[in-house]
Amino acid sequence: MQAKNIAIVGSGLVGSLLAIYLRKRNHSVTVFDRRPDIRKVEFSGRSINLAMSVRGWKALEKVAIADEIKKIAIPMHKRAMHVNGKPEYHQYYGDEGEAIYSISRGVLNREMITLAEKAGVVFRFEEKVWDVNLPEAKIYTGETEKGAWKEYQYDMIFGCDGAFSRVRHKMQRRSRFDYSQDFLDAGYKELEIPANPDGTHRLDKNSLHIWPRGKFMLIALPNLDGSFTCTLFMPHEGENSFETLTDDQKVLNFWKKNFPDAIPLMPTLLEDFNKNPTSALVTMRCYPWTYWDKIALVGDSAHAIVPFYGQGMNAGFEDISVLDDIISKAENDDWQAIFETYQESRKKNTDAIAELSYRNFMEMSSKTADPDFLLRKQIEKHFSDKYPDKWEPLYSNVTFSHMPYAKALELGDIQSEIMDEIMKEANIKNRWDTVEIEHKILELLAERG
């Protein structure tokens, strides 16, 4: 395949990894970003820690950088649930040895840019893209929108510039371009649990810690330096919302009532709460993702999702892995066919993970502390352990397999219908592990093919 001169807009995780992939195929790659080099600035306090799972690792393994990235990751085998008035308890994510990996977004992004530079990628930081000529694959950059612009000519352009993509914005002006964005009523704020004085973690470092409180929750993911990155998710308005926490005393009273065990762990709570912004959560869908053989959207610019399945980065990395597989199978230099196959392959799957991510917010914030929900999961785990060829939990299909997201959603809906019927069985709390219940599940599975 002929080497191309390619521009990528956005130096985030997806843009940096895509650049590495394209360099492996001997293309000339330049990455534009309006922001300064993240390796030379402090983090902004707007980043939810990432949870790398098998889809992300596969994409890294294909370009031989997974081992390097694992050095900055911490495995999390389970959820640690913090419910007021009850001892901390655990919910394991998968089978023994299966884990998701906590990685600081900023730390990972810095490493990815460095690895891309080593591969020969050119980065143009603090160079904002103001306009894109789609048919001619030209980029226009400048200091201000009305000032003098520079023009750059490329063979093709990839938009990896996030949920509010400038490249996609230009595509939206074309006829028959579908676009929607849906904001959750909830937002988020980043906080911190610092390390102990000796550098150790104050909580179990191999768990994702959750304080579920119905319509709001606090989570904490471990960092290599002994700290935890915490994120408070809650509504923007109404009772128990960001709009009600208007001064230090109200924040403290809220914490004493809802997260009392976290107060001793968070000595900089008020400082962090006042300093760090409250950010929005958006699901963004669009189509098409490509324009002829010139333009393609990858990652959040094509399919931004809320973070409650830990799959945003994993889905973006899987975009790149799938695109690379399609390029490998291409018999000629027909990039239009490559792009069309890519978007058709990924669209239905990213729509599915968007739906699953939205649903998982309800599960994490309210259901994880519900006794009926816990029993339901216990029944599923018992049946899955006994009949692994007949029942793989939805979470495992999404997180610990390469099953297409759309297929995982379809199977998950079937399993949910079956479990709805099982939970209606008489005296289920005492019969859940009986042969009769097993046979009932088997019958329901057979009915649904």
Protein backbone atom coordinates (compact mmCIF):
# COMPACT_ATOMS: atom_id res chain seq x y z
CA MET A 1 0.00 0.00 0.00
CA GLN A 2 1.28 3.43 -0.95
CA ALA A 3 2.59 5.61 1.88
CA LYS A 4 0.41 8.63 2.57
CA ASN A 5 0.91 12.05 4.14
CA ILE A 6 -1.62 11.99 6.99
CA ALA A 7 -2.81 14.54 9.55
CA ILE A 8 -4.41 13.64 12.87
CA VAL A 9 -6.31 16.31 14.78
CA GLY A 10 -6.04 15.63 18.52
CA SER A 11 -3.08 14.35 20.54
CA GLY A 12 -5.16 12.47 23.11
CA LEU A 13 -5.03 8.74 23.70
CA VAL A 14 -6.80 7.73 20.48
CA GLY A 15 -4.91 10.22 18.31
CA SER A 16 -1.54 9.16 19.72
CA LEU A 17 -2.23 5.42 19.31
CA LEU A 18 -3.59 5.89 15.78
CA ALA A 19 -0.42 7.80 14.94
CA ILE A 20 1.70 4.85 16.12
CA TYR A 21 -0.35 2.43 14.00
CA LEU A 22 -0.04 4.59 10.89
CA ARG A 23 3.70 5.02 11.36
CA LYS A 24 4.02 1.23 11.58
CA ARG A 25 2.61 1.21 8.05
CA ASN A 26 5.23 3.78 6.96
CA HIS A 27 2.84 6.69 6.54
CA SER A 28 4.04 10.21 7.30
CA VAL A 29 2.00 11.42 10.31
CA THR A 30 1.56 14.90 11.80
CA VAL A 31 -0.62 15.44 14.89
CA PHE A 32 -2.19 18.84 15.58
CA ASP A 33 -3.45 19.92 19.00
CA ARG A 34 -4.67 23.28 20.26
CA ARG A 35 -3.38 22.47 23.76
CA PRO A 36 0.20 22.66 25.02
CA ASP A 37 2.27 19.48 25.23
CA ILE A 38 0.68 17.63 28.17
CA ARG A 39 4.16 16.46 29.22
CA LYS A 40 5.06 20.06 30.10
CA VAL A 41 1.98 21.14 32.06
CA GLU A 42 0.22 20.16 35.29
CA PHE A 43 -2.91 18.06 35.08
CA SER A 44 -6.13 20.06 35.04
CA GLY A 45 -8.27 18.17 37.57
CA ARG A 46 -10.79 17.10 34.90
CA SER A 47 -9.84 13.49 34.27
CA ILE A 48 -11.60 10.34 35.39
CA ASN A 49 -9.08 7.53 35.81
CA LEU A 50 -9.22 4.97 33.03
CA ALA A 51 -10.03 1.28 33.34
CA MET A 52 -8.10 -0.62 30.68
CA SER A 53 -9.61 -3.98 29.73
CA VAL A 54 -8.87 -6.64 27.12
CA ARG A 55 -10.02 -4.60 24.12
CA GLY A 56 -7.59 -1.84 24.96
CA TRP A 57 -4.74 -4.23 25.73
CA LYS A 58 -5.25 -6.00 22.40
CA ALA A 59 -4.84 -2.73 20.52
CA LEU A 60 -1.63 -1.96 22.44
CA GLU A 61 -0.27 -5.48 21.93
CA LYS A 62 -0.67 -5.21 18.16
CA VAL A 63 1.94 -2.43 18.08
CA ALA A 64 4.08 -3.99 20.85
CA ILE A 65 3.60 -1.31 23.52
CA ALA A 66 1.34 -3.17 25.99
CA ASP A 67 4.24 -4.27 28.23
CA GLU A 68 5.44 -0.67 28.49
CA ILE A 69 1.97 0.59 29.41
CA LYS A 70 1.42 -2.15 32.01
CA LYS A 71 4.24 -0.58 34.01
CA ILE A 72 1.94 2.38 34.76
CA ALA A 73 -1.22 0.33 35.43
CA ILE A 74 -2.68 -1.23 38.59
CA PRO A 75 -4.93 -4.32 38.31
CA MET A 76 -8.34 -4.07 39.99
CA HIS A 77 -9.95 -7.48 40.50
CA LYS A 78 -13.10 -6.33 42.26
CA ARG A 79 -15.43 -3.58 43.37
CA ALA A 80 -15.15 -2.58 47.02
CA MET A 81 -18.57 -1.37 48.14
CA HIS A 82 -18.88 1.24 50.91
CA VAL A 83 -22.44 1.31 52.26
CA ASN A 84 -23.26 3.35 55.36
CA GLY A 85 -23.85 1.19 58.41
CA LYS A 86 -22.44 -1.96 56.80
CA PRO A 87 -18.95 -3.46 56.56
CA GLU A 88 -17.09 -3.00 53.29
CA TYR A 89 -17.84 -5.89 50.93
CA HIS A 90 -16.50 -6.99 47.56
CA GLN A 91 -17.91 -7.92 44.15
CA TYR A 92 -15.39 -9.65 41.87
CA TYR A 93 -15.41 -8.55 38.25
CA GLY A 94 -14.69 -11.87 36.61
CA ASP A 95 -13.00 -15.21 37.07
CA GLU A 96 -9.83 -15.65 39.10
CA GLY A 97 -7.00 -13.64 37.58
CA GLU A 98 -9.28 -11.37 35.54
CA ALA A 99 -8.94 -7.67 36.24
CA ILE A 100 -9.44 -4.23 34.81
CA TYR A 101 -6.47 -1.88 35.11
CA SER A 102 -6.49 1.59 36.63
CA ILE A 103 -4.38 4.09 34.69
CA SER A 104 -4.15 7.85 35.11
CA ARG A 105 -5.33 9.46 31.87
CA GLY A 106 -2.65 12.12 32.07
CA VAL A 107 0.17 9.68 32.81
CA LEU A 108 -0.95 7.40 29.97
CA ASN A 109 -1.34 10.28 27.50
CA ARG A 110 2.18 11.50 28.25
CA GLU A 111 3.60 8.03 27.66
CA MET A 112 1.64 7.54 24.43
CA ILE A 113 2.88 10.83 22.97
CA THR A 114 6.46 9.90 23.82
CA LEU A 115 6.07 6.49 22.19
CA ALA A 116 4.53 8.10 19.11
CA GLU A 117 7.42 10.54 18.83
CA LYS A 118 9.87 7.64 19.04
CA ALA A 119 7.98 6.05 16.14
CA GLY A 120 8.56 9.16 14.04
CA VAL A 121 5.31 11.07 14.53
CA VAL A 122 5.51 14.89 14.36
CA PHE A 123 3.44 16.79 16.94
CA ARG A 124 2.30 20.39 16.46
CA PHE A 125 1.13 21.57 19.88
CA GLU A 126 -0.61 24.90 20.49
CA GLU A 127 -1.70 24.95 16.87
CA LYS A 128 -5.49 25.10 16.77
CA VAL A 129 -7.34 23.78 13.74
CA TRP A 130 -10.00 26.32 12.78
CA ASP A 131 -11.21 24.87 9.51
CA VAL A 132 -10.96 21.77 7.34
CA ASN A 133 -11.41 21.56 3.57
CA LEU A 134 -12.98 18.10 3.38
CA PRO A 135 -12.73 17.37 -0.39
CA GLU A 136 -9.09 18.47 -0.57
CA ALA A 137 -7.94 17.27 2.90
CA LYS A 138 -6.59 20.69 3.85
CA ILE A 139 -6.20 21.96 7.41
CA TYR A 140 -6.20 25.62 8.44
CA THR A 141 -4.60 26.64 11.73
CA GLY A 142 -3.98 29.93 13.47
CA GLU A 143 -3.80 31.76 16.79
CA THR A 144 -7.31 33.20 16.49
CA GLU A 145 -10.37 32.44 14.40
CA LYS A 146 -10.20 35.79 12.63
CA GLY A 147 -6.43 36.09 12.40
CA ALA A 148 -3.99 34.85 9.79
CA TRP A 149 -4.24 31.11 9.08
CA LYS A 150 -1.69 28.59 7.87
CA GLU A 151 -2.77 26.07 5.24
CA TYR A 152 -1.58 22.45 5.28
CA GLN A 153 -2.22 19.92 2.52
CA TYR A 154 -2.57 16.19 3.31
CA ASP A 155 -3.68 13.02 1.60
CA MET A 156 -6.13 12.31 4.41
CA ILE A 157 -7.17 13.62 7.81
CA PHE A 158 -8.29 11.73 10.93
CA GLY A 159 -10.45 13.53 13.49
CA CYS A 160 -9.47 12.33 16.97
CA ASP A 161 -10.35 15.57 18.72
CA GLY A 162 -13.00 14.39 21.14
CA ALA A 163 -16.70 14.85 21.77
CA PHE A 164 -16.70 18.44 20.52
CA SER A 165 -14.56 17.70 17.47
CA ARG A 166 -13.69 20.51 15.07
CA VAL A 167 -13.33 17.99 12.24
CA ARG A 168 -16.78 16.53 12.89
CA HIS A 169 -18.23 20.04 13.20
CA LYS A 170 -17.15 20.69 9.62
CA MET A 171 -18.69 17.36 8.51
CA GLN A 172 -21.98 18.27 10.24
CA ARG A 173 -22.51 21.09 7.74
CA ARG A 174 -22.91 18.58 4.95
CA SER A 175 -26.30 17.32 3.85
CA ARG A 176 -27.64 14.07 5.39
CA PHE A 177 -25.21 14.05 8.31
CA ASP A 178 -26.95 12.67 11.42
CA TYR A 179 -25.86 14.06 14.77
CA SER A 180 -27.17 13.99 18.32
CA GLN A 181 -25.84 14.77 21.76
CA ASP A 182 -27.51 13.86 25.04
CA PHE A 183 -26.28 15.25 28.34
CA LEU A 184 -26.89 13.37 31.57
CA ASP A 185 -28.58 15.30 34.35
CA ALA A 186 -25.53 14.29 36.39
CA GLY A 187 -22.05 15.78 36.18
CA TYR A 188 -18.76 14.94 37.85
CA LYS A 189 -15.98 16.48 39.92
CA GLU A 190 -12.52 15.02 40.47
CA LEU A 191 -11.20 14.73 44.03
CA GLU A 192 -8.34 12.86 45.70
CA ILE A 193 -7.39 10.44 48.45
CA PRO A 194 -3.66 11.08 49.00
CA ALA A 195 -1.15 8.38 49.84
CA ASN A 196 -0.13 7.54 53.40
CA PRO A 197 3.01 9.34 54.59
CA ASP A 198 5.04 6.24 53.69
CA GLY A 199 3.63 6.20 50.14
CA THR A 200 1.25 3.27 50.63
CA HIS A 201 -2.43 3.28 49.66
CA ARG A 202 -5.03 4.14 52.31
CA LEU A 203 -7.47 1.62 50.82
CA ASP A 204 -7.07 -1.72 49.05
CA LYS A 205 -5.22 -0.76 45.87
CA ASN A 206 -6.53 -3.68 43.81
CA SER A 207 -10.17 -2.62 44.07
CA LEU A 208 -12.35 -0.02 42.42
CA HIS A 209 -13.99 1.61 45.43
CA ILE A 210 -17.62 2.72 45.15
CA TRP A 211 -19.84 4.62 47.59
CA PRO A 212 -23.29 4.05 45.94
CA ARG A 213 -26.00 6.44 47.12
CA GLY A 214 -28.91 6.12 44.67
CA LYS A 215 -28.85 9.12 42.35
CA PHE A 216 -25.25 9.98 43.19
CA MET A 217 -22.04 8.14 44.02
CA LEU A 218 -18.36 8.52 44.79
CA ILE A 219 -15.74 6.26 43.21
CA ALA A 220 -11.99 5.91 43.78
CA LEU A 221 -9.36 4.33 41.53
CA PRO A 222 -5.75 3.69 42.59
CA ASN A 223 -2.65 5.46 41.27
CA LEU A 224 0.96 4.29 41.29
CA ASP A 225 2.04 6.98 43.77
CA GLY A 226 -0.23 5.59 46.51
CA SER A 227 -3.05 8.06 45.92
CA PHE A 228 -6.56 7.44 44.60
CA THR A 229 -8.29 9.54 41.99
CA CYS A 230 -11.84 10.04 43.26
CA THR A 231 -14.83 11.16 41.20
CA LEU A 232 -18.10 12.44 42.60
CA PHE A 233 -21.00 11.84 40.19
CA MET A 234 -24.24 13.62 41.06
CA PRO A 235 -27.04 15.70 39.51
CA HIS A 236 -26.34 19.27 38.53
CA GLU A 237 -29.60 20.50 40.09
CA GLY A 238 -32.13 19.42 42.70
CA GLU A 239 -31.81 17.65 46.02
CA ASN A 240 -28.31 16.24 46.61
CA SER A 241 -26.83 18.13 43.68
CA PHE A 242 -23.85 20.28 42.83
CA GLU A 243 -26.00 23.41 42.92
CA THR A 244 -26.73 22.85 46.64
CA LEU A 245 -23.05 22.56 47.68
CA THR A 246 -22.37 26.28 47.68
CA ASP A 247 -19.94 26.63 50.61
CA ASP A 248 -17.44 24.62 52.67
CA GLN A 249 -19.86 23.86 55.49
CA LYS A 250 -22.48 22.45 53.12
CA VAL A 251 -19.84 20.26 51.48
CA LEU A 252 -18.68 18.96 54.88
CA ASN A 253 -22.23 18.33 56.06
CA PHE A 254 -22.96 16.46 52.83
CA TRP A 255 -19.86 14.28 53.30
CA LYS A 256 -20.63 13.58 56.97
CA LYS A 257 -24.10 12.38 56.03
CA ASN A 258 -23.28 10.41 52.88
CA PHE A 259 -19.58 9.46 52.94
CA PRO A 260 -18.53 9.56 56.60
CA ASP A 261 -15.88 6.83 56.22
CA ALA A 262 -14.23 8.82 53.41
CA ILE A 263 -13.70 12.00 55.42
CA PRO A 264 -10.52 10.79 57.24
CA LEU A 265 -9.15 9.66 53.87
CA MET A 266 -9.59 13.04 52.15
CA PRO A 267 -7.68 15.77 54.01
CA THR A 268 -7.74 18.04 50.92
CA LEU A 269 -11.47 17.55 50.25
CA LEU A 270 -12.48 21.20 50.45
CA GLU A 271 -9.44 22.43 48.55
CA ASP A 272 -10.06 19.91 45.76
CA PHE A 273 -13.80 20.56 45.68
CA ASN A 274 -13.31 24.30 45.27
CA LYS A 275 -10.40 24.08 42.84
CA ASN A 276 -11.57 21.42 40.41
CA PRO A 277 -14.34 22.14 37.89
CA THR A 278 -17.70 20.43 37.68
CA SER A 279 -17.83 18.77 34.28
CA ALA A 280 -20.67 17.53 32.10
CA LEU A 281 -21.34 13.97 30.88
CA VAL A 282 -22.46 13.56 27.28
CA THR A 283 -23.35 10.79 24.86
CA MET A 284 -22.68 11.82 21.27
CA ARG A 285 -23.72 9.90 18.16
CA CYS A 286 -23.21 10.71 14.50
CA TYR A 287 -23.11 9.19 11.02
CA PRO A 288 -21.37 8.96 8.61
CA TRP A 289 -17.95 8.94 10.22
CA THR A 290 -16.06 9.32 6.95
CA TYR A 291 -15.92 11.49 3.86
CA TRP A 292 -14.84 9.69 0.69
CA ASP A 293 -11.19 8.64 0.99
CA LYS A 294 -10.15 11.86 2.72
CA ILE A 295 -11.61 12.09 6.23
CA ALA A 296 -12.38 9.66 9.07
CA LEU A 297 -13.50 10.14 12.68
CA VAL A 298 -12.09 7.87 15.37
CA GLY A 299 -12.88 7.56 19.09
CA ASP A 300 -14.95 10.19 20.93
CA SER A 301 -15.23 12.41 17.86
CA ALA A 302 -17.42 9.66 16.37
CA HIS A 303 -19.05 8.18 19.48
CA ALA A 304 -18.53 9.87 22.85
CA ILE A 305 -20.06 7.88 25.73
CA VAL A 306 -20.50 8.31 29.46
CA PRO A 307 -17.80 6.57 31.55
CA PHE A 308 -19.83 4.06 33.53
CA TYR A 309 -18.70 0.90 31.79
CA GLY A 310 -15.06 1.96 31.66
CA GLN A 311 -15.14 1.41 27.89
CA GLY A 312 -14.65 4.87 26.36
CA MET A 313 -10.92 4.50 25.81
CA ASN A 314 -11.22 0.77 25.14
CA ALA A 315 -13.81 1.42 22.42
CA GLY A 316 -11.63 4.09 20.84
CA PHE A 317 -8.62 1.79 20.85
CA GLU A 318 -10.77 -0.98 19.37
CA ASP A 319 -11.73 1.42 16.55
CA ILE A 320 -8.04 1.60 15.65
CA SER A 321 -7.49 -2.16 15.92
CA VAL A 322 -10.51 -2.86 13.70
CA LEU A 323 -9.45 -0.21 11.19
CA ASP A 324 -5.97 -1.75 11.05
CA ASP A 325 -7.45 -5.21 10.40
CA ILE A 326 -9.48 -3.77 7.52
CA ILE A 327 -6.39 -2.09 6.06
CA SER A 328 -4.51 -5.41 6.29
CA LYS A 329 -7.19 -7.15 4.22
CA ALA A 330 -7.47 -4.40 1.60
CA GLU A 331 -6.27 -5.60 -1.78
CA ASN A 332 -5.46 -2.17 -3.16
CA ASP A 333 -5.17 1.48 -2.21
CA ASP A 334 -8.94 2.02 -2.05
CA TRP A 335 -9.20 4.10 1.13
CA GLN A 336 -12.83 4.96 0.45
CA ALA A 337 -13.73 1.27 0.66
CA ILE A 338 -11.56 0.91 3.77
CA PHE A 339 -13.30 3.83 5.47
CA GLU A 340 -16.79 2.63 4.54
CA THR A 341 -16.09 -0.87 5.87
CA TYR A 342 -14.68 0.64 9.07
CA GLN A 343 -17.69 2.83 9.84
CA GLU A 344 -20.21 0.11 8.98
CA SER A 345 -18.37 -2.31 11.26
CA ARG A 346 -18.10 0.04 14.22
CA LYS A 347 -21.28 2.12 14.23
CA LYS A 348 -23.67 -0.52 15.58
CA ASN A 349 -21.14 -1.59 18.21
CA THR A 350 -20.41 1.88 19.52
CA ASP A 351 -24.14 2.60 19.70
CA ALA A 352 -24.44 -0.56 21.81
CA ILE A 353 -21.69 0.40 24.26
CA ALA A 354 -23.23 3.86 24.58
CA GLU A 355 -26.49 2.23 25.69
CA LEU A 356 -24.71 -0.16 28.05
CA SER A 357 -22.70 2.67 29.60
CA TYR A 358 -25.84 4.66 30.33
CA ARG A 359 -27.50 1.63 31.95
CA ASN A 360 -24.44 0.90 34.06
CA PHE A 361 -24.72 4.31 35.74
CA MET A 362 -27.99 3.12 37.30
CA GLU A 363 -26.39 -0.16 38.33
CA MET A 364 -23.32 1.40 39.94
CA SER A 365 -25.11 4.23 41.74
CA SER A 366 -28.14 2.44 43.13
CA LYS A 367 -28.43 -1.27 42.37
CA THR A 368 -25.01 -2.38 43.64
CA ALA A 369 -26.23 -1.88 47.21
CA ASP A 370 -29.66 -3.47 46.63
CA PRO A 371 -30.04 -6.95 48.26
CA ASP A 372 -32.24 -8.18 45.39
CA PHE A 373 -29.67 -7.06 42.85
CA LEU A 374 -26.89 -8.77 44.79
CA LEU A 375 -28.93 -12.00 44.94
CA ARG A 376 -29.59 -11.72 41.21
CA LYS A 377 -25.85 -11.45 40.54
CA GLN A 378 -25.19 -14.35 42.89
CA ILE A 379 -27.62 -16.56 40.94
CA GLU A 380 -26.02 -15.54 37.64
CA LYS A 381 -22.53 -16.28 38.96
CA HIS A 382 -23.60 -19.67 40.34
CA PHE A 383 -25.23 -20.67 37.05
CA SER A 384 -22.35 -19.33 34.95
CA ASP A 385 -19.79 -21.26 37.01
CA LYS A 386 -21.77 -24.47 36.49
CA TYR A 387 -22.68 -23.88 32.82
CA PRO A 388 -19.94 -21.60 31.41
CA ASP A 389 -20.79 -22.62 27.84
CA LYS A 390 -24.40 -21.45 28.29
CA TRP A 391 -24.10 -18.27 30.34
CA GLU A 392 -21.34 -15.67 30.34
CA PRO A 393 -22.32 -12.56 32.35
CA LEU A 394 -22.84 -9.36 30.38
CA TYR A 395 -20.03 -7.59 32.21
CA SER A 396 -17.60 -10.34 31.26
CA ASN A 397 -18.69 -10.26 27.62
CA VAL A 398 -18.07 -6.52 27.50
CA THR A 399 -14.93 -6.32 29.64
CA PHE A 400 -13.10 -9.64 29.35
CA SER A 401 -13.86 -10.69 25.77
CA HIS A 402 -13.67 -9.36 22.22
CA MET A 403 -17.33 -10.11 21.52
CA PRO A 404 -18.83 -7.26 19.48
CA TYR A 405 -20.59 -4.80 21.78
CA ALA A 406 -23.83 -5.19 19.81
CA LYS A 407 -23.81 -8.96 20.37
CA ALA A 408 -23.03 -8.49 24.07
CA LEU A 409 -26.00 -6.10 24.40
CA GLU A 410 -28.30 -8.56 22.61
CA LEU A 411 -27.27 -11.47 24.87
CA GLY A 412 -27.44 -9.23 27.92
CA ASP A 413 -31.04 -8.30 27.18
CA ILE A 414 -31.97 -12.00 26.86
CA GLN A 415 -30.25 -12.76 30.18
CA SER A 416 -32.01 -9.83 31.84
CA GLU A 417 -35.42 -11.12 30.72
CA ILE A 418 -34.60 -14.58 32.07
CA MET A 419 -33.43 -13.21 35.42
CA ASP A 420 -36.57 -11.08 35.71
CA GLU A 421 -38.58 -14.32 35.59
CA ILE A 422 -36.25 -16.17 37.97
CA MET A 423 -36.48 -13.42 40.58
CA LYS A 424 -40.28 -13.87 40.58
CA GLU A 425 -39.93 -17.52 41.62
CA ALA A 426 -41.49 -18.30 45.01
CA ASN A 427 -39.07 -18.14 47.94
CA ILE A 428 -36.16 -17.41 45.58
CA LYS A 429 -33.96 -16.19 48.45
CA ASN A 430 -33.84 -19.71 49.84
CA ARG A 431 -34.06 -21.67 46.57
CA TRP A 432 -31.62 -19.77 44.38
CA ASP A 433 -28.96 -22.51 44.30
CA THR A 434 -31.30 -25.48 43.83
CA VAL A 435 -31.52 -27.88 40.89
CA GLU A 436 -35.04 -26.64 40.20
CA ILE A 437 -33.83 -23.08 39.59
CA GLU A 438 -30.99 -24.32 37.40
CA HIS A 439 -33.45 -26.29 35.28
CA LYS A 440 -35.76 -23.29 35.06
CA ILE A 441 -32.91 -21.15 33.68
CA LEU A 442 -32.00 -23.88 31.21
CA GLU A 443 -35.63 -24.06 30.02
CA LEU A 444 -35.81 -20.28 29.55
CA LEU A 445 -32.54 -20.30 27.63
CA ALA A 446 -33.82 -23.06 25.34
CA GLU A 447 -37.03 -21.08 24.69
CA ARG A 448 -35.00 -18.09 23.55
CA GLY A 449 -32.75 -20.14 21.32
